[in-house]
């Protein structure tokens, strides 16, 4: 599948001068989890107001955190990360990026399809898709014109039953999103359910997608939000979707603007970070800075993000 590309830890293939001119930063990073190959691919970045980091937080404390992190006070770029897992004869795409929504004017996001191609991954080779949830920045890549025609007719899309049920009549009463986003989220979820309903494979709480690849519902961010655990030999990696954000290590009790049940999301975040700190498993998440691979440590009464040293 992409064994040859797995040897290249970042950037583009040697001699690919055109790609280097177009892409000034690396957009994929490979990790070996025992016998399982994991490739993190950047779907680009999503500029959002900094209030989204913690809309229940004291503005002064939020400003102090941004200053300490050398981040701007008004808006900054959220990473969008997608994962491809190769286990046995299965190629599994975990989430599908933002896609293209002209009404939101987000030209620096929605890069997944071209970056899959650059990584040598044919859409027709994907046997399974796992959706951590159905927000548009996780399903939008599947809605890009022409993508469905390139996918296998027997493609399996794994998503929690609670997530599909939620989007039939979604509740936005506890979120704090910029204008336009609720309508865009509703529209994307409705279109996705219509176009891919026959491919959906629903599960309740957890499901083994492939040897060493387990998806588990956590709830919180959305009712059907899931994490994906990859395990082989003694190696462990968790793709946490939107359960963990950069600010969540220092302030796990801050509510993210996209959380539909922020109180439960905070409880889920603490539980997952505690688990990761105890087990030492690697963490990858959608909105941690690319490539987002690292570990979690406990530091006093909060957590600490420990990025891996890049392996070139």
Protein backbone atom coordinates (compact mmCIF):
# COMPACT_ATOMS: atom_id res chain seq x y z
CA UNK A 1 0.00 0.00 0.00
CA UNK A 2 2.29 2.78 1.18
CA UNK A 3 5.23 0.76 2.52
CA UNK A 4 7.68 2.72 0.40
CA UNK A 5 6.24 6.02 1.59
CA UNK A 6 6.50 4.81 5.20
CA UNK A 7 10.27 5.14 4.87
CA UNK A 8 9.85 8.88 4.37
CA UNK A 9 9.05 10.39 7.74
CA UNK A 10 8.14 13.87 6.56
CA UNK A 11 7.86 16.02 3.46
CA UNK A 12 7.78 14.71 -0.08
CA UNK A 13 9.63 12.05 -1.98
CA UNK A 14 13.25 12.75 -2.97
CA UNK A 15 13.42 14.49 -6.32
CA UNK A 16 9.85 15.74 -6.09
CA UNK A 17 10.79 19.37 -6.64
CA UNK A 18 7.31 20.34 -7.80
CA UNK A 19 5.76 18.97 -4.62
CA UNK A 20 8.34 20.80 -2.51
CA UNK A 21 7.54 24.10 -4.19
CA UNK A 22 3.82 23.65 -3.57
CA UNK A 23 4.11 22.27 -0.02
CA UNK A 24 6.51 24.22 2.18
CA UNK A 25 5.77 22.12 5.26
CA UNK A 26 5.58 18.33 5.77
CA UNK A 27 2.06 16.96 5.52
CA UNK A 28 2.47 13.30 6.51
CA UNK A 29 4.27 11.40 9.23
CA UNK A 30 4.62 7.64 9.69
CA UNK A 31 4.50 5.68 12.93
CA UNK A 32 5.00 1.94 13.39
CA UNK A 33 2.79 0.40 16.07
CA UNK A 34 4.14 -3.14 16.34
CA UNK A 35 3.22 -4.74 13.02
CA UNK A 36 0.63 -2.06 12.20
CA UNK A 37 1.48 0.91 9.99
CA UNK A 38 0.00 4.28 10.94
CA UNK A 39 0.23 7.36 8.74
CA UNK A 40 -0.86 10.77 10.07
CA UNK A 41 -1.86 13.13 7.28
CA UNK A 42 -2.55 16.85 7.63
CA UNK A 43 -5.82 18.06 6.15
CA UNK A 44 -4.59 21.62 6.60
CA UNK A 45 -5.57 24.18 9.22
CA UNK A 46 -8.80 25.79 10.33
CA UNK A 47 -8.64 29.41 11.61
CA UNK A 48 -11.02 29.88 14.55
CA UNK A 49 -11.54 32.42 17.34
CA UNK A 50 -9.47 31.69 20.45
CA UNK A 51 -12.62 31.79 22.58
CA UNK A 52 -13.37 28.37 21.11
CA UNK A 53 -10.58 26.97 23.31
CA UNK A 54 -12.57 27.52 26.47
CA UNK A 55 -15.77 29.52 26.30
CA UNK A 56 -16.43 28.89 30.00
CA UNK A 57 -12.99 30.14 31.02
CA UNK A 58 -12.15 33.47 32.62
CA UNK A 59 -11.08 35.63 29.63
CA UNK A 60 -8.04 36.83 31.57
CA UNK A 61 -6.91 33.25 32.22
CA UNK A 62 -7.50 32.33 28.60
CA UNK A 63 -5.45 35.34 27.50
CA UNK A 64 -2.68 34.36 29.91
CA UNK A 65 -2.57 30.82 28.50
CA UNK A 66 -2.37 32.14 24.94
CA UNK A 67 0.46 34.47 25.93
CA UNK A 68 2.34 31.63 27.64
CA UNK A 69 1.97 29.54 24.46
CA UNK A 70 3.10 32.41 22.18
CA UNK A 71 -0.26 32.31 20.40
CA UNK A 72 -2.30 35.26 19.10
CA UNK A 73 -5.14 36.56 21.23
CA UNK A 74 -7.89 36.77 18.62
CA UNK A 75 -7.66 33.73 16.33
CA UNK A 76 -5.22 30.98 15.50
CA UNK A 77 -4.90 27.95 13.22
CA UNK A 78 -6.30 24.66 14.46
CA UNK A 79 -4.61 21.62 12.99
CA UNK A 80 -6.72 19.07 11.12
CA UNK A 81 -5.22 15.57 11.31
CA UNK A 82 -6.43 12.36 9.68
CA UNK A 83 -5.02 8.87 10.14
CA UNK A 84 -4.55 5.94 7.76
CA UNK A 85 -3.99 2.53 9.35
CA UNK A 86 -2.73 -0.56 7.54
CA UNK A 87 -3.56 -3.78 9.43
CA UNK A 88 -3.32 -7.07 7.57
CA UNK A 89 -5.16 -6.73 4.28
CA UNK A 90 -7.25 -3.77 5.49
CA UNK A 91 -6.55 -0.11 4.82
CA UNK A 92 -8.50 2.02 7.28
CA UNK A 93 -9.10 5.74 6.95
CA UNK A 94 -9.88 7.31 10.32
CA UNK A 95 -11.90 10.47 9.66
CA UNK A 96 -11.95 12.25 6.33
CA UNK A 97 -11.11 15.90 6.90
CA UNK A 98 -13.10 19.02 6.09
CA UNK A 99 -13.56 18.77 2.36
CA UNK A 100 -14.68 21.92 0.57
CA UNK A 101 -17.38 24.26 1.85
CA UNK A 102 -17.35 27.47 -0.21
CA UNK A 103 -19.79 29.18 2.18
CA UNK A 104 -17.24 29.07 5.02
CA UNK A 105 -14.23 30.31 2.98
CA UNK A 106 -11.62 27.99 4.51
CA UNK A 107 -9.11 27.53 1.67
CA UNK A 108 -6.25 26.25 3.85
CA UNK A 109 -8.25 23.23 4.99
CA UNK A 110 -9.63 20.35 2.96
CA UNK A 111 -6.24 19.15 1.73
CA UNK A 112 -6.74 15.43 2.46
CA UNK A 113 -7.55 14.07 -0.99
CA UNK A 114 -4.52 15.61 -2.73
CA UNK A 115 -2.26 14.63 0.18
CA UNK A 116 -3.47 11.03 0.11
CA UNK A 117 -2.54 11.00 -3.56
CA UNK A 118 0.86 12.53 -2.80
CA UNK A 119 1.42 9.77 -0.22
CA UNK A 120 0.68 7.10 -2.81
CA UNK A 121 -2.64 6.06 -1.26
CA UNK A 122 -5.32 5.20 -3.80
CA UNK A 123 -8.84 5.89 -2.55
CA UNK A 124 -9.86 2.58 -4.10
CA UNK A 125 -7.52 0.76 -1.72
CA UNK A 126 -9.41 1.95 1.37
CA UNK A 127 -11.44 -0.96 2.75
CA UNK A 128 -12.82 0.75 5.86
CA UNK A 129 -13.54 4.23 7.15
CA UNK A 130 -13.91 4.94 10.87
CA UNK A 131 -15.62 8.17 11.88
CA UNK A 132 -14.86 9.48 15.34
CA UNK A 133 -17.99 11.62 14.87
CA UNK A 134 -19.94 13.36 12.13
CA UNK A 135 -18.81 16.97 12.40
CA UNK A 136 -18.05 18.26 8.92
CA UNK A 137 -14.28 18.44 9.50
CA UNK A 138 -14.36 14.66 9.94
CA UNK A 139 -16.68 13.67 7.07
CA UNK A 140 -16.26 16.45 4.52
CA UNK A 141 -13.53 14.78 2.49
CA UNK A 142 -15.99 12.06 1.52
CA UNK A 143 -18.36 14.70 0.15
CA UNK A 144 -15.88 16.25 -2.29
CA UNK A 145 -17.05 15.91 -5.89
CA UNK A 146 -15.75 12.73 -7.50
CA UNK A 147 -14.50 11.08 -4.30
CA UNK A 148 -17.36 8.62 -3.90
CA UNK A 149 -16.82 7.36 -7.45
CA UNK A 150 -13.23 6.42 -6.54
CA UNK A 151 -14.17 4.45 -3.43
CA UNK A 152 -14.84 0.73 -3.33
CA UNK A 153 -18.48 -0.31 -3.75
CA UNK A 154 -18.08 -2.55 -0.70
CA UNK A 155 -16.53 0.18 1.48
CA UNK A 156 -17.46 -0.16 5.14
CA UNK A 157 -17.98 3.03 7.18
CA UNK A 158 -17.97 2.42 10.92
CA UNK A 159 -19.77 4.93 13.12
CA UNK A 160 -21.55 4.73 16.46
CA UNK A 161 -25.30 4.27 16.24
CA UNK A 162 -25.75 7.08 18.77
CA UNK A 163 -23.97 9.47 16.40
CA UNK A 164 -26.23 8.71 13.46
CA UNK A 165 -29.29 9.07 15.67
CA UNK A 166 -28.07 12.41 17.07
CA UNK A 167 -27.69 14.00 13.64
CA UNK A 168 -31.27 13.22 12.72
CA UNK A 169 -32.23 16.06 15.09
CA UNK A 170 -29.02 17.63 16.50
CA UNK A 171 -28.99 19.78 19.64
CA UNK A 172 -26.82 22.91 19.47
CA UNK A 173 -28.02 24.47 22.72
CA UNK A 174 -24.71 23.97 24.60
CA UNK A 175 -22.18 24.83 21.89
CA UNK A 176 -20.41 28.14 21.28
CA UNK A 177 -19.60 28.20 17.56
CA UNK A 178 -18.91 31.03 15.12
CA UNK A 179 -21.87 32.09 12.94
CA UNK A 180 -22.60 29.78 10.06
CA UNK A 181 -21.10 26.66 11.58
CA UNK A 182 -24.28 25.06 13.02
CA UNK A 183 -26.03 25.28 9.64
CA UNK A 184 -22.96 23.95 7.84
CA UNK A 185 -22.66 21.04 10.30
CA UNK A 186 -26.32 20.12 9.90
CA UNK A 187 -26.09 20.28 6.12
CA UNK A 188 -22.93 18.17 5.91
CA UNK A 189 -24.29 15.47 8.25
CA UNK A 190 -27.58 15.29 6.37
CA UNK A 191 -25.85 15.01 3.00
CA UNK A 192 -23.42 12.41 4.32
CA UNK A 193 -26.21 10.20 5.72
CA UNK A 194 -28.02 10.39 2.38
CA UNK A 195 -24.98 9.61 0.22
CA UNK A 196 -23.35 6.93 2.38
CA UNK A 197 -26.24 5.38 4.29
CA UNK A 198 -25.82 2.03 2.54
CA UNK A 199 -22.17 1.85 3.59
CA UNK A 200 -22.70 2.47 7.30
CA UNK A 201 -21.82 -0.24 9.79
CA UNK A 202 -23.26 0.84 13.14
CA UNK A 203 -22.07 -0.29 16.55
CA UNK A 204 -23.14 0.50 20.10
CA UNK A 205 -20.13 0.90 22.38
CA UNK A 206 -17.07 -0.71 20.77
CA UNK A 207 -16.13 -2.63 17.67
CA UNK A 208 -13.04 -4.41 16.36
CA UNK A 209 -12.51 -2.94 12.89
CA UNK A 210 -9.38 -5.01 12.13
CA UNK A 211 -6.78 -7.01 14.06
CA UNK A 212 -5.37 -4.58 16.62
CA UNK A 213 -7.76 -1.75 15.70
CA UNK A 214 -10.61 -1.09 18.13
CA UNK A 215 -13.08 1.79 18.02
CA UNK A 216 -14.82 2.76 21.26
CA UNK A 217 -17.60 5.24 21.91
CA UNK A 218 -16.82 7.89 24.53
CA UNK A 219 -19.63 10.40 24.02
CA UNK A 220 -19.18 13.94 25.31
CA UNK A 221 -18.03 15.94 22.31
CA UNK A 222 -21.02 14.45 20.50
CA UNK A 223 -23.21 11.59 21.77
CA UNK A 224 -21.51 9.11 19.46
CA UNK A 225 -17.97 10.47 19.59
CA UNK A 226 -15.36 7.67 19.51
CA UNK A 227 -11.68 7.08 19.99
CA UNK A 228 -9.67 4.49 18.08
CA UNK A 229 -7.12 2.29 19.84
CA UNK A 230 -4.34 0.67 17.83
CA UNK A 231 -2.34 -2.12 19.49
CA UNK A 232 0.30 -4.55 18.26
CA UNK A 233 2.99 -6.31 20.23
CA UNK A 234 3.74 -4.06 23.17
CA UNK A 235 2.96 -0.83 21.30
CA UNK A 236 -0.19 1.22 21.84
CA UNK A 237 -1.56 4.32 20.13
CA UNK A 238 -4.84 6.16 20.65
CA UNK A 239 -6.44 8.43 18.08
CA UNK A 240 -8.59 10.61 20.32
CA UNK A 241 -10.49 12.56 17.69
CA UNK A 242 -11.89 15.72 19.30
CA UNK A 243 -11.72 14.50 22.89
CA UNK A 244 -8.38 16.29 23.44
CA UNK A 245 -7.29 19.79 22.44
CA UNK A 246 -4.01 21.60 23.06
CA UNK A 247 -5.40 23.61 25.95
CA UNK A 248 -6.87 20.48 27.53
CA UNK A 249 -3.63 19.36 29.16
CA UNK A 250 -3.41 22.50 31.31
CA UNK A 251 -7.16 23.11 31.54
CA UNK A 252 -9.13 19.91 30.91
CA UNK A 253 -12.20 21.56 32.46
CA UNK A 254 -12.38 24.28 29.79
CA UNK A 255 -15.26 23.77 27.37
CA UNK A 256 -14.48 23.66 23.67
CA UNK A 257 -16.96 25.55 21.53
CA UNK A 258 -17.83 22.52 19.42
CA UNK A 259 -18.76 20.27 22.35
CA UNK A 260 -22.46 19.38 22.40
CA UNK A 261 -22.25 18.13 26.01
CA UNK A 262 -19.31 20.09 27.44
CA UNK A 263 -19.60 18.77 31.00
CA UNK A 264 -19.44 15.16 29.82
CA UNK A 265 -16.71 16.05 27.32
CA UNK A 266 -14.57 17.38 30.18
CA UNK A 267 -15.08 14.16 32.14
CA UNK A 268 -14.15 12.09 29.08
CA UNK A 269 -11.04 14.21 28.51
CA UNK A 270 -9.80 13.70 32.08
CA UNK A 271 -10.49 9.97 31.91
CA UNK A 272 -8.62 9.52 28.62
CA UNK A 273 -5.66 11.67 29.64
CA UNK A 274 -5.40 9.79 32.92
CA UNK A 275 -5.44 6.49 31.04
CA UNK A 276 -2.74 7.66 28.63
CA UNK A 277 -0.55 8.90 31.46
CA UNK A 278 -0.87 5.56 33.25
CA UNK A 279 -0.29 3.33 30.21
CA UNK A 280 2.28 5.41 28.33
CA UNK A 281 0.42 4.83 25.06
CA UNK A 282 1.01 7.29 22.24
CA UNK A 283 -1.62 9.92 21.57
CA UNK A 284 -2.71 11.40 18.25
CA UNK A 285 -5.66 13.81 18.02
CA UNK A 286 -7.40 15.75 15.30
CA UNK A 287 -6.61 19.26 16.50
CA UNK A 288 -3.23 18.89 18.18
CA UNK A 289 -0.41 20.47 16.15
CA UNK A 290 0.70 18.19 13.32
CA UNK A 291 1.86 15.45 13.51
CA UNK A 292 0.38 15.42 17.02
CA UNK A 293 2.21 12.25 18.11
CA UNK A 294 3.20 12.31 21.74
CA UNK A 295 2.65 11.07 25.27
CA UNK A 296 0.80 12.35 28.31
CA UNK A 297 2.35 12.94 31.72
CA UNK A 298 0.81 14.06 34.99
CA UNK A 299 2.27 17.32 36.29
CA UNK A 300 0.83 18.28 39.66
CA UNK A 301 -2.90 18.85 39.32
CA UNK A 302 -2.89 18.93 35.53
CA UNK A 303 -1.48 17.06 32.56
CA UNK A 304 1.53 17.67 30.37
CA UNK A 305 1.91 17.05 26.64
CA UNK A 306 5.21 15.39 25.69
CA UNK A 307 5.69 15.46 21.89
CA UNK A 308 7.76 12.67 20.37
CA UNK A 309 11.12 13.42 18.82
CA UNK A 310 10.62 13.37 15.07
CA UNK A 311 12.05 10.30 13.39
CA UNK A 312 13.34 11.18 9.91
